[in-house]
Amino acid sequence: MTHADLRRALDDAGGVNPFFAVPEAPAAGGWAPLPDLWRRPGLLAAEVAAVRARLAAGRPVAVVEVRVAASLLFQSLASRLLSPAAATALSHGLLAPPEALRWRPARPAGLALALAAGARPVPVAERTPRAAAEAVARHVVAGALAPAADALRAQVRLAPRLLYGNAASSLAGTVLALARARPPLAADAFALGRALLARPPLAGLGSFTGTGPAQAAFTRTTCCLYYRLPGGGYCGDCAVAARRTR
C-alpha cells in the first residue's frame, strides 16, 4: 500500500464531517510529528495552556481549571484520531499510524491533524469489523492515546478512567457519525465500536442503547469535567447528567 492509497482513503473519510478530515501537511507552517505531543513535556504543557486560554474566551485564565483543559484536549485528540482511523479501516482496509501524522502546536483554532508527505498506511489484516477494531486498538488506542494519557497524567492530576472515558465518548461519536453518514457501513461501525468498548482500556466506560443509527445513543460512566467550566453544562452522554435525571 502506498501514500496515494492512504491519501484516497483519508479524502473519502473526510466527507463524513470535519473530525474525519486529515489534509496533507504543508511543507512549512510549524507542523510537528504527532508523537512529539507526548514525548516532549514542554510542548504538551503549552498545548494544555492554549486550550485553557481558548476555554477562558477572554476572561481571566484562572476561571478554567488546568485539569479541565487537559481533559478536553485529550477528548479532542481522541476524536481527531479515532474518526479517520475507524473510517479508513472499515472502508479501505488501512489506517494512518501516529508517526504518519503531523500537528501544529498551540494552533489558535484548536487541535488539527495532517498527513506527513510520503507517509505510508498500516494495512488491516482483513475486511472485518473485528480486524479493524484490532488495528485501531493497536495503532490508535495503544499507539497514541495511551502514551498521550500517560504524559498528561504526569503533568496534571487526572484519573485514567476519566481520560479513557473521554476516548470512549469520542469513539461513540465516531461510530454514530459514520453510521449516519454512510448507512451501508452502519452495522460494521457499531460492531467496531462495541469491540473496542469491550476491551481494556475502554471496557466498562460506556455503552450504546438502541439498535439503529437513528435510535442509538451512548452513555458513558465517567465525566469529562466540561460542567466545571463557567456556563459549561453537561454533555449529551454524561454519566453525571444521567444520574441527576433519575
C-alpha atoms as a PDB file:
ATOM      1  CA  MET A   1       0.000   0.000   0.000  1.00  0.00           C
ATOM      2  CA  THR A   2       1.214   3.467  -0.897  1.00  0.00           C
ATOM      3  CA  HIS A   3       0.864   7.059   0.212  1.00  0.00           C
ATOM      4  CA  ALA A   4      -1.599   7.558  -2.620  1.00  0.00           C
ATOM      5  CA  ASP A   5      -3.780   4.749  -1.241  1.00  0.00           C
ATOM      6  CA  LEU A   6      -3.759   6.393   2.179  1.00  0.00           C
ATOM      7  CA  ARG A   7      -4.495   9.800   0.692  1.00  0.00           C
ATOM      8  CA  ARG A   8      -7.527   8.458  -1.203  1.00  0.00           C
ATOM      9  CA  ALA A   9      -8.840   6.716   1.910  1.00  0.00           C
ATOM     10  CA  LEU A  10      -8.480   9.845   4.046  1.00  0.00           C
ATOM     11  CA  ASP A  11     -10.126  12.011   1.397  1.00  0.00           C
ATOM     12  CA  ASP A  12     -13.075   9.637   1.420  1.00  0.00           C
ATOM     13  CA  ALA A  13     -13.251   9.662   5.229  1.00  0.00           C
ATOM     14  CA  GLY A  14     -13.116  13.444   5.275  1.00  0.00           C
ATOM     15  CA  GLY A  15     -16.508  13.550   3.583  1.00  0.00           C
ATOM     16  CA  VAL A  16     -18.204  12.358   6.798  1.00  0.00           C
ATOM     17  CA  ASN A  17     -17.546  15.543   8.819  1.00  0.00           C
ATOM     18  CA  PRO A  18     -14.580  17.773   9.784  1.00  0.00           C
ATOM     19  CA  PHE A  19     -13.452  15.454  12.606  1.00  0.00           C
ATOM     20  CA  PHE A  20     -12.706  12.808   9.968  1.00  0.00           C
ATOM     21  CA  ALA A  21     -10.650  15.171   7.785  1.00  0.00           C
ATOM     22  CA  VAL A  22      -6.864  14.774   7.605  1.00  0.00           C
ATOM     23  CA  PRO A  23      -5.392  17.040   4.909  1.00  0.00           C
ATOM     24  CA  GLU A  24      -1.858  16.886   3.597  1.00  0.00           C
ATOM     25  CA  ALA A  25       0.644  18.621   5.874  1.00  0.00           C
ATOM     26  CA  PRO A  26       2.142  21.744   4.274  1.00  0.00           C
ATOM     27  CA  ALA A  27       5.897  21.879   3.839  1.00  0.00           C
ATOM     28  CA  ALA A  28       6.056  24.966   6.075  1.00  0.00           C
ATOM     29  CA  GLY A  29       3.907  26.300   8.894  1.00  0.00           C
ATOM     30  CA  GLY A  30       5.339  24.760  12.040  1.00  0.00           C
ATOM     31  CA  TRP A  31       3.758  21.304  11.809  1.00  0.00           C
ATOM     32  CA  ALA A  32       5.413  18.739  14.116  1.00  0.00           C
ATOM     33  CA  PRO A  33       5.358  14.926  14.308  1.00  0.00           C
ATOM     34  CA  LEU A  34       2.333  13.861  16.339  1.00  0.00           C
ATOM     35  CA  PRO A  35       4.367  11.747  18.816  1.00  0.00           C
ATOM     36  CA  ASP A  36       6.118  14.956  19.926  1.00  0.00           C
ATOM     37  CA  LEU A  37       2.860  15.823  21.685  1.00  0.00           C
ATOM     38  CA  TRP A  38       3.508  13.174  24.338  1.00  0.00           C
ATOM     39  CA  ARG A  39       7.286  12.827  24.056  1.00  0.00           C
ATOM     40  CA  ARG A  40       8.122  16.494  24.691  1.00  0.00           C
ATOM     41  CA  PRO A  41       6.633  17.688  28.007  1.00  0.00           C
ATOM     42  CA  GLY A  42       7.059  21.369  27.184  1.00  0.00           C
ATOM     43  CA  LEU A  43       5.009  21.078  24.009  1.00  0.00           C
ATOM     44  CA  LEU A  44       2.248  19.215  25.826  1.00  0.00           C
ATOM     45  CA  ALA A  45       2.143  21.799  28.613  1.00  0.00           C
ATOM     46  CA  ALA A  46       1.913  24.572  26.007  1.00  0.00           C
ATOM     47  CA  GLU A  47      -0.971  22.775  24.302  1.00  0.00           C
ATOM     48  CA  VAL A  48      -2.879  22.469  27.592  1.00  0.00           C
ATOM     49  CA  ALA A  49      -2.244  26.161  28.247  1.00  0.00           C
ATOM     50  CA  ALA A  50      -3.546  27.060  24.777  1.00  0.00           C
ATOM     51  CA  VAL A  51      -6.723  25.036  25.347  1.00  0.00           C
ATOM     52  CA  ARG A  52      -7.151  26.711  28.725  1.00  0.00           C
ATOM     53  CA  ALA A  53      -6.856  30.165  27.141  1.00  0.00           C
ATOM     54  CA  ARG A  54      -9.391  29.290  24.418  1.00  0.00           C
ATOM     55  CA  LEU A  55     -11.855  27.996  27.001  1.00  0.00           C
ATOM     56  CA  ALA A  56     -11.433  31.163  29.070  1.00  0.00           C
ATOM     57  CA  ALA A  57     -12.607  33.116  25.997  1.00  0.00           C
ATOM     58  CA  GLY A  58     -11.161  36.439  27.041  1.00  0.00           C
ATOM     59  CA  ARG A  59     -11.840  36.007  30.748  1.00  0.00           C
ATOM     60  CA  PRO A  60      -9.015  35.513  33.273  1.00  0.00           C
ATOM     61  CA  VAL A  61      -7.459  32.143  32.522  1.00  0.00           C
ATOM     62  CA  ALA A  62      -7.853  31.172  36.183  1.00  0.00           C
ATOM     63  CA  VAL A  63     -11.579  30.568  35.597  1.00  0.00           C
ATOM     64  CA  VAL A  64     -10.597  27.378  33.735  1.00  0.00           C
ATOM     65  CA  GLU A  65      -9.030  24.614  35.810  1.00  0.00           C
ATOM     66  CA  VAL A  66      -5.914  23.103  34.282  1.00  0.00           C
ATOM     67  CA  ARG A  67      -7.353  19.604  34.624  1.00  0.00           C
ATOM     68  CA  VAL A  68     -10.477  20.605  32.676  1.00  0.00           C
ATOM     69  CA  ALA A  69      -8.328  21.930  29.830  1.00  0.00           C
ATOM     70  CA  ALA A  70      -6.199  18.767  29.868  1.00  0.00           C
ATOM     71  CA  SER A  71      -9.288  16.555  29.839  1.00  0.00           C
ATOM     72  CA  LEU A  72     -10.832  18.362  26.888  1.00  0.00           C
ATOM     73  CA  LEU A  73      -7.537  18.379  24.989  1.00  0.00           C
ATOM     74  CA  PHE A  74      -7.422  14.599  25.320  1.00  0.00           C
ATOM     75  CA  GLN A  75     -11.015  14.263  24.164  1.00  0.00           C
ATOM     76  CA  SER A  76     -10.255  16.377  21.103  1.00  0.00           C
ATOM     77  CA  LEU A  77      -7.173  14.285  20.335  1.00  0.00           C
ATOM     78  CA  ALA A  78      -9.189  11.075  20.667  1.00  0.00           C
ATOM     79  CA  SER A  79     -11.857  12.350  18.266  1.00  0.00           C
ATOM     80  CA  ARG A  80      -9.310  13.518  15.726  1.00  0.00           C
ATOM     81  CA  LEU A  81      -7.515  10.174  15.788  1.00  0.00           C
ATOM     82  CA  LEU A  82     -10.358   7.689  16.111  1.00  0.00           C
ATOM     83  CA  SER A  83     -12.642   9.202  13.470  1.00  0.00           C
ATOM     84  CA  PRO A  84     -10.439   8.867  10.376  1.00  0.00           C
ATOM     85  CA  ALA A  85      -8.858   5.640  11.604  1.00  0.00           C
ATOM     86  CA  ALA A  86     -12.202   3.879  12.058  1.00  0.00           C
ATOM     87  CA  ALA A  87     -13.487   5.110   8.704  1.00  0.00           C
ATOM     88  CA  THR A  88     -10.442   4.131   6.678  1.00  0.00           C
ATOM     89  CA  ALA A  89     -10.012   0.797   8.469  1.00  0.00           C
ATOM     90  CA  LEU A  90     -13.591  -0.224   7.721  1.00  0.00           C
ATOM     91  CA  SER A  91     -13.914   1.198   4.210  1.00  0.00           C
ATOM     92  CA  HIS A  92     -10.404   0.770   2.823  1.00  0.00           C
ATOM     93  CA  GLY A  93      -8.605  -1.765   4.998  1.00  0.00           C
ATOM     94  CA  LEU A  94      -5.885   0.634   6.121  1.00  0.00           C
ATOM     95  CA  LEU A  95      -5.174   3.462   8.537  1.00  0.00           C
ATOM     96  CA  ALA A  96      -2.571   6.123   9.230  1.00  0.00           C
ATOM     97  CA  PRO A  97      -0.278   5.234  12.160  1.00  0.00           C
ATOM     98  CA  PRO A  98       0.627   8.014  14.645  1.00  0.00           C
ATOM     99  CA  GLU A  99       4.062   8.543  13.116  1.00  0.00           C
ATOM    100  CA  ALA A 100       2.395   9.334   9.778  1.00  0.00           C
ATOM    101  CA  LEU A 101       0.565  12.318  11.281  1.00  0.00           C
ATOM    102  CA  ARG A 102       1.527  15.906  11.986  1.00  0.00           C
ATOM    103  CA  TRP A 103       0.036  18.588  14.243  1.00  0.00           C
ATOM    104  CA  ARG A 104       0.625  22.316  14.667  1.00  0.00           C
ATOM    105  CA  PRO A 105       1.432  23.213  18.292  1.00  0.00           C
ATOM    106  CA  ALA A 106      -0.899  25.633  20.094  1.00  0.00           C
ATOM    107  CA  ARG A 107      -2.940  26.254  16.957  1.00  0.00           C
ATOM    108  CA  PRO A 108      -5.342  29.189  17.594  1.00  0.00           C
ATOM    109  CA  ALA A 109      -8.339  27.317  16.199  1.00  0.00           C
ATOM    110  CA  GLY A 110      -7.662  24.146  18.201  1.00  0.00           C
ATOM    111  CA  LEU A 111      -6.138  20.747  17.547  1.00  0.00           C
ATOM    112  CA  ALA A 112      -5.889  19.642  13.929  1.00  0.00           C
ATOM    113  CA  LEU A 113      -4.015  16.798  12.296  1.00  0.00           C
ATOM    114  CA  ALA A 114      -2.414  16.479   8.874  1.00  0.00           C
ATOM    115  CA  LEU A 115      -0.709  13.701   6.935  1.00  0.00           C
ATOM    116  CA  ALA A 116       3.061  13.742   6.526  1.00  0.00           C
ATOM    117  CA  ALA A 117       4.405  13.815   2.986  1.00  0.00           C
ATOM    118  CA  GLY A 118       5.134  10.326   1.729  1.00  0.00           C
ATOM    119  CA  ALA A 119       3.580   8.612   4.759  1.00  0.00           C
ATOM    120  CA  ARG A 120       2.500   5.046   4.169  1.00  0.00           C
ATOM    121  CA  PRO A 121      -0.521   3.284   5.683  1.00  0.00           C
ATOM    122  CA  VAL A 122      -0.786   0.345   8.019  1.00  0.00           C
ATOM    123  CA  PRO A 123      -2.878  -2.428   6.434  1.00  0.00           C
ATOM    124  CA  VAL A 124      -5.773  -4.060   8.263  1.00  0.00           C
ATOM    125  CA  ALA A 125      -5.470  -7.847   8.357  1.00  0.00           C
ATOM    126  CA  GLU A 126      -8.881  -8.445   6.786  1.00  0.00           C
ATOM    127  CA  ARG A 127     -12.049  -6.522   5.887  1.00  0.00           C
ATOM    128  CA  THR A 128     -13.990  -7.262   9.053  1.00  0.00           C
ATOM    129  CA  PRO A 129     -15.064  -5.024  11.955  1.00  0.00           C
ATOM    130  CA  ARG A 130     -13.087  -7.188  14.380  1.00  0.00           C
ATOM    131  CA  ALA A 131      -9.872  -6.829  12.371  1.00  0.00           C
ATOM    132  CA  ALA A 132     -10.497  -3.094  12.003  1.00  0.00           C
ATOM    133  CA  ALA A 133     -11.037  -2.818  15.762  1.00  0.00           C
ATOM    134  CA  GLU A 134      -7.795  -4.687  16.388  1.00  0.00           C
ATOM    135  CA  ALA A 135      -5.881  -2.295  14.131  1.00  0.00           C
ATOM    136  CA  VAL A 136      -7.433   0.777  15.768  1.00  0.00           C
ATOM    137  CA  ALA A 137      -6.747  -0.639  19.236  1.00  0.00           C
ATOM    138  CA  ARG A 138      -3.106  -1.269  18.398  1.00  0.00           C
ATOM    139  CA  HIS A 139      -2.210   1.836  16.427  1.00  0.00           C
ATOM    140  CA  VAL A 140      -4.548   4.485  17.842  1.00  0.00           C
ATOM    141  CA  VAL A 141      -5.521   3.468  21.372  1.00  0.00           C
ATOM    142  CA  ALA A 142      -2.238   1.821  22.413  1.00  0.00           C
ATOM    143  CA  GLY A 143      -0.021   3.658  19.929  1.00  0.00           C
ATOM    144  CA  ALA A 144      -1.185   7.215  20.574  1.00  0.00           C
ATOM    145  CA  LEU A 145      -3.904   7.648  23.185  1.00  0.00           C
ATOM    146  CA  ALA A 146      -2.190   5.575  25.889  1.00  0.00           C
ATOM    147  CA  PRO A 147       1.130   7.467  25.756  1.00  0.00           C
ATOM    148  CA  ALA A 148      -0.737  10.780  25.497  1.00  0.00           C
ATOM    149  CA  ALA A 149      -2.775   9.866  28.599  1.00  0.00           C
ATOM    150  CA  ASP A 150       0.370   8.905  30.499  1.00  0.00           C
ATOM    151  CA  ALA A 151       2.079  12.153  29.518  1.00  0.00           C
ATOM    152  CA  LEU A 152      -0.918  14.242  30.565  1.00  0.00           C
ATOM    153  CA  ARG A 153      -1.192  12.469  33.903  1.00  0.00           C
ATOM    154  CA  ALA A 154       2.500  13.166  34.545  1.00  0.00           C
ATOM    155  CA  GLN A 155       1.640  16.883  34.428  1.00  0.00           C
ATOM    156  CA  VAL A 156      -1.984  17.129  35.589  1.00  0.00           C
ATOM    157  CA  ARG A 157      -3.940  15.238  38.241  1.00  0.00           C
ATOM    158  CA  LEU A 158      -6.415  13.204  36.191  1.00  0.00           C
ATOM    159  CA  ALA A 159      -7.773   9.698  36.681  1.00  0.00           C
ATOM    160  CA  PRO A 160      -7.071   7.185  33.906  1.00  0.00           C
ATOM    161  CA  ARG A 161     -10.774   6.288  33.781  1.00  0.00           C
ATOM    162  CA  LEU A 162     -11.667   9.923  33.118  1.00  0.00           C
ATOM    163  CA  LEU A 163      -9.296  10.161  30.172  1.00  0.00           C
ATOM    164  CA  TYR A 164     -10.250   6.805  28.697  1.00  0.00           C
ATOM    165  CA  GLY A 165     -13.903   7.671  29.294  1.00  0.00           C
ATOM    166  CA  ASN A 166     -13.250  10.659  27.040  1.00  0.00           C
ATOM    167  CA  ALA A 167     -11.832   8.278  24.443  1.00  0.00           C
ATOM    168  CA  ALA A 168     -14.904   6.033  24.762  1.00  0.00           C
ATOM    169  CA  SER A 169     -17.157   9.057  24.235  1.00  0.00           C
ATOM    170  CA  SER A 170     -15.104  10.107  21.201  1.00  0.00           C
ATOM    171  CA  LEU A 171     -15.345   6.584  19.810  1.00  0.00           C
ATOM    172  CA  ALA A 172     -19.121   6.659  20.233  1.00  0.00           C
ATOM    173  CA  GLY A 173     -19.282   9.972  18.382  1.00  0.00           C
ATOM    174  CA  THR A 174     -17.184   8.453  15.610  1.00  0.00           C
ATOM    175  CA  VAL A 175     -19.443   5.402  15.315  1.00  0.00           C
ATOM    176  CA  LEU A 176     -22.670   7.411  15.298  1.00  0.00           C
ATOM    177  CA  ALA A 177     -21.385   9.949  12.757  1.00  0.00           C
ATOM    178  CA  LEU A 178     -20.065   7.242  10.449  1.00  0.00           C
ATOM    179  CA  ALA A 179     -23.233   5.142  10.723  1.00  0.00           C
ATOM    180  CA  ARG A 180     -25.486   8.104   9.940  1.00  0.00           C
ATOM    181  CA  ALA A 181     -23.380   9.477   7.096  1.00  0.00           C
ATOM    182  CA  ARG A 182     -22.675   6.076   5.486  1.00  0.00           C
ATOM    183  CA  PRO A 183     -25.699   3.805   6.139  1.00  0.00           C
ATOM    184  CA  PRO A 184     -24.144   0.765   4.378  1.00  0.00           C
ATOM    185  CA  LEU A 185     -21.338   0.932   6.977  1.00  0.00           C
ATOM    186  CA  ALA A 186     -23.639   1.310   9.991  1.00  0.00           C
ATOM    187  CA  ALA A 187     -23.604  -2.312  11.148  1.00  0.00           C
ATOM    188  CA  ASP A 188     -19.827  -2.566  10.784  1.00  0.00           C
ATOM    189  CA  ALA A 189     -19.311   0.772  12.556  1.00  0.00           C
ATOM    190  CA  PHE A 190     -21.343  -0.353  15.574  1.00  0.00           C
ATOM    191  CA  ALA A 191     -19.556  -3.719  15.595  1.00  0.00           C
ATOM    192  CA  LEU A 192     -16.178  -1.962  15.620  1.00  0.00           C
ATOM    193  CA  GLY A 193     -17.309   0.372  18.402  1.00  0.00           C
ATOM    194  CA  ARG A 194     -18.639  -2.416  20.584  1.00  0.00           C
ATOM    195  CA  ALA A 195     -15.488  -4.490  20.030  1.00  0.00           C
ATOM    196  CA  LEU A 196     -13.296  -1.611  21.238  1.00  0.00           C
ATOM    197  CA  LEU A 197     -15.599  -0.848  24.174  1.00  0.00           C
ATOM    198  CA  ALA A 198     -15.343  -4.483  25.271  1.00  0.00           C
ATOM    199  CA  ARG A 199     -11.571  -4.427  25.700  1.00  0.00           C
ATOM    200  CA  PRO A 200      -9.252  -2.503  28.021  1.00  0.00           C
ATOM    201  CA  PRO A 201      -8.677   0.359  28.467  1.00  0.00           C
ATOM    202  CA  LEU A 202     -12.185   1.323  27.250  1.00  0.00           C
ATOM    203  CA  ALA A 203     -14.068  -1.591  28.823  1.00  0.00           C
ATOM    204  CA  GLY A 204     -16.749  -0.514  31.280  1.00  0.00           C
ATOM    205  CA  LEU A 205     -16.598   3.164  30.315  1.00  0.00           C
ATOM    206  CA  GLY A 206     -19.822   3.403  28.326  1.00  0.00           C
ATOM    207  CA  SER A 207     -22.354   1.558  26.222  1.00  0.00           C
ATOM    208  CA  PHE A 208     -24.785   2.026  23.358  1.00  0.00           C
ATOM    209  CA  THR A 209     -28.536   1.746  23.636  1.00  0.00           C
ATOM    210  CA  GLY A 210     -30.859   1.382  20.651  1.00  0.00           C
ATOM    211  CA  THR A 211     -30.353  -0.699  17.561  1.00  0.00           C
ATOM    212  CA  GLY A 212     -30.040   1.609  14.553  1.00  0.00           C
ATOM    213  CA  PRO A 213     -28.238   4.839  13.638  1.00  0.00           C
ATOM    214  CA  ALA A 214     -31.372   6.932  14.158  1.00  0.00           C
ATOM    215  CA  GLN A 215     -32.290   5.373  17.524  1.00  0.00           C
ATOM    216  CA  ALA A 216     -28.862   4.637  19.002  1.00  0.00           C
ATOM    217  CA  ALA A 217     -27.435   6.657  21.871  1.00  0.00           C
ATOM    218  CA  PHE A 218     -24.379   6.349  24.071  1.00  0.00           C
ATOM    219  CA  THR A 219     -23.978   6.874  27.807  1.00  0.00           C
ATOM    220  CA  ARG A 220     -20.570   6.979  29.426  1.00  0.00           C
ATOM    221  CA  THR A 221     -19.785   6.022  33.020  1.00  0.00           C
ATOM    222  CA  THR A 222     -17.355   8.881  33.708  1.00  0.00           C
ATOM    223  CA  CYS A 223     -17.392  12.660  33.230  1.00  0.00           C
ATOM    224  CA  CYS A 224     -15.100  14.852  31.117  1.00  0.00           C
ATOM    225  CA  LEU A 225     -15.398  17.802  33.585  1.00  0.00           C
ATOM    226  CA  TYR A 226     -16.911  20.148  30.993  1.00  0.00           C
ATOM    227  CA  TYR A 227     -19.576  21.094  33.535  1.00  0.00           C
ATOM    228  CA  ARG A 228     -16.853  22.746  35.631  1.00  0.00           C
ATOM    229  CA  LEU A 229     -16.402  25.486  33.033  1.00  0.00           C
ATOM    230  CA  PRO A 230     -18.380  28.675  33.707  1.00  0.00           C
ATOM    231  CA  GLY A 231     -21.667  28.033  31.884  1.00  0.00           C
ATOM    232  CA  GLY A 232     -20.398  24.650  30.693  1.00  0.00           C
ATOM    233  CA  GLY A 233     -23.379  22.423  31.459  1.00  0.00           C
ATOM    234  CA  TYR A 234     -23.448  18.685  30.727  1.00  0.00           C
ATOM    235  CA  CYS A 235     -22.670  16.713  27.569  1.00  0.00           C
ATOM    236  CA  GLY A 236     -25.358  14.566  25.988  1.00  0.00           C
ATOM    237  CA  ASP A 237     -23.725  11.300  27.073  1.00  0.00           C
ATOM    238  CA  CYS A 238     -22.696  12.465  30.550  1.00  0.00           C
ATOM    239  CA  ALA A 239     -22.952   9.998  33.429  1.00  0.00           C
ATOM    240  CA  VAL A 240     -23.370  12.842  35.928  1.00  0.00           C
ATOM    241  CA  ALA A 241     -26.329  14.296  33.999  1.00  0.00           C
ATOM    242  CA  ALA A 242     -27.889  10.829  33.680  1.00  0.00           C
ATOM    243  CA  ARG A 243     -27.716  10.318  37.456  1.00  0.00           C
ATOM    244  CA  ARG A 244     -29.271  13.735  38.105  1.00  0.00           C
ATOM    245  CA  THR A 245     -32.335  12.922  35.995  1.00  0.00           C
ATOM    246  CA  ARG A 246     -33.146   9.652  37.770  1.00  0.00           C
END
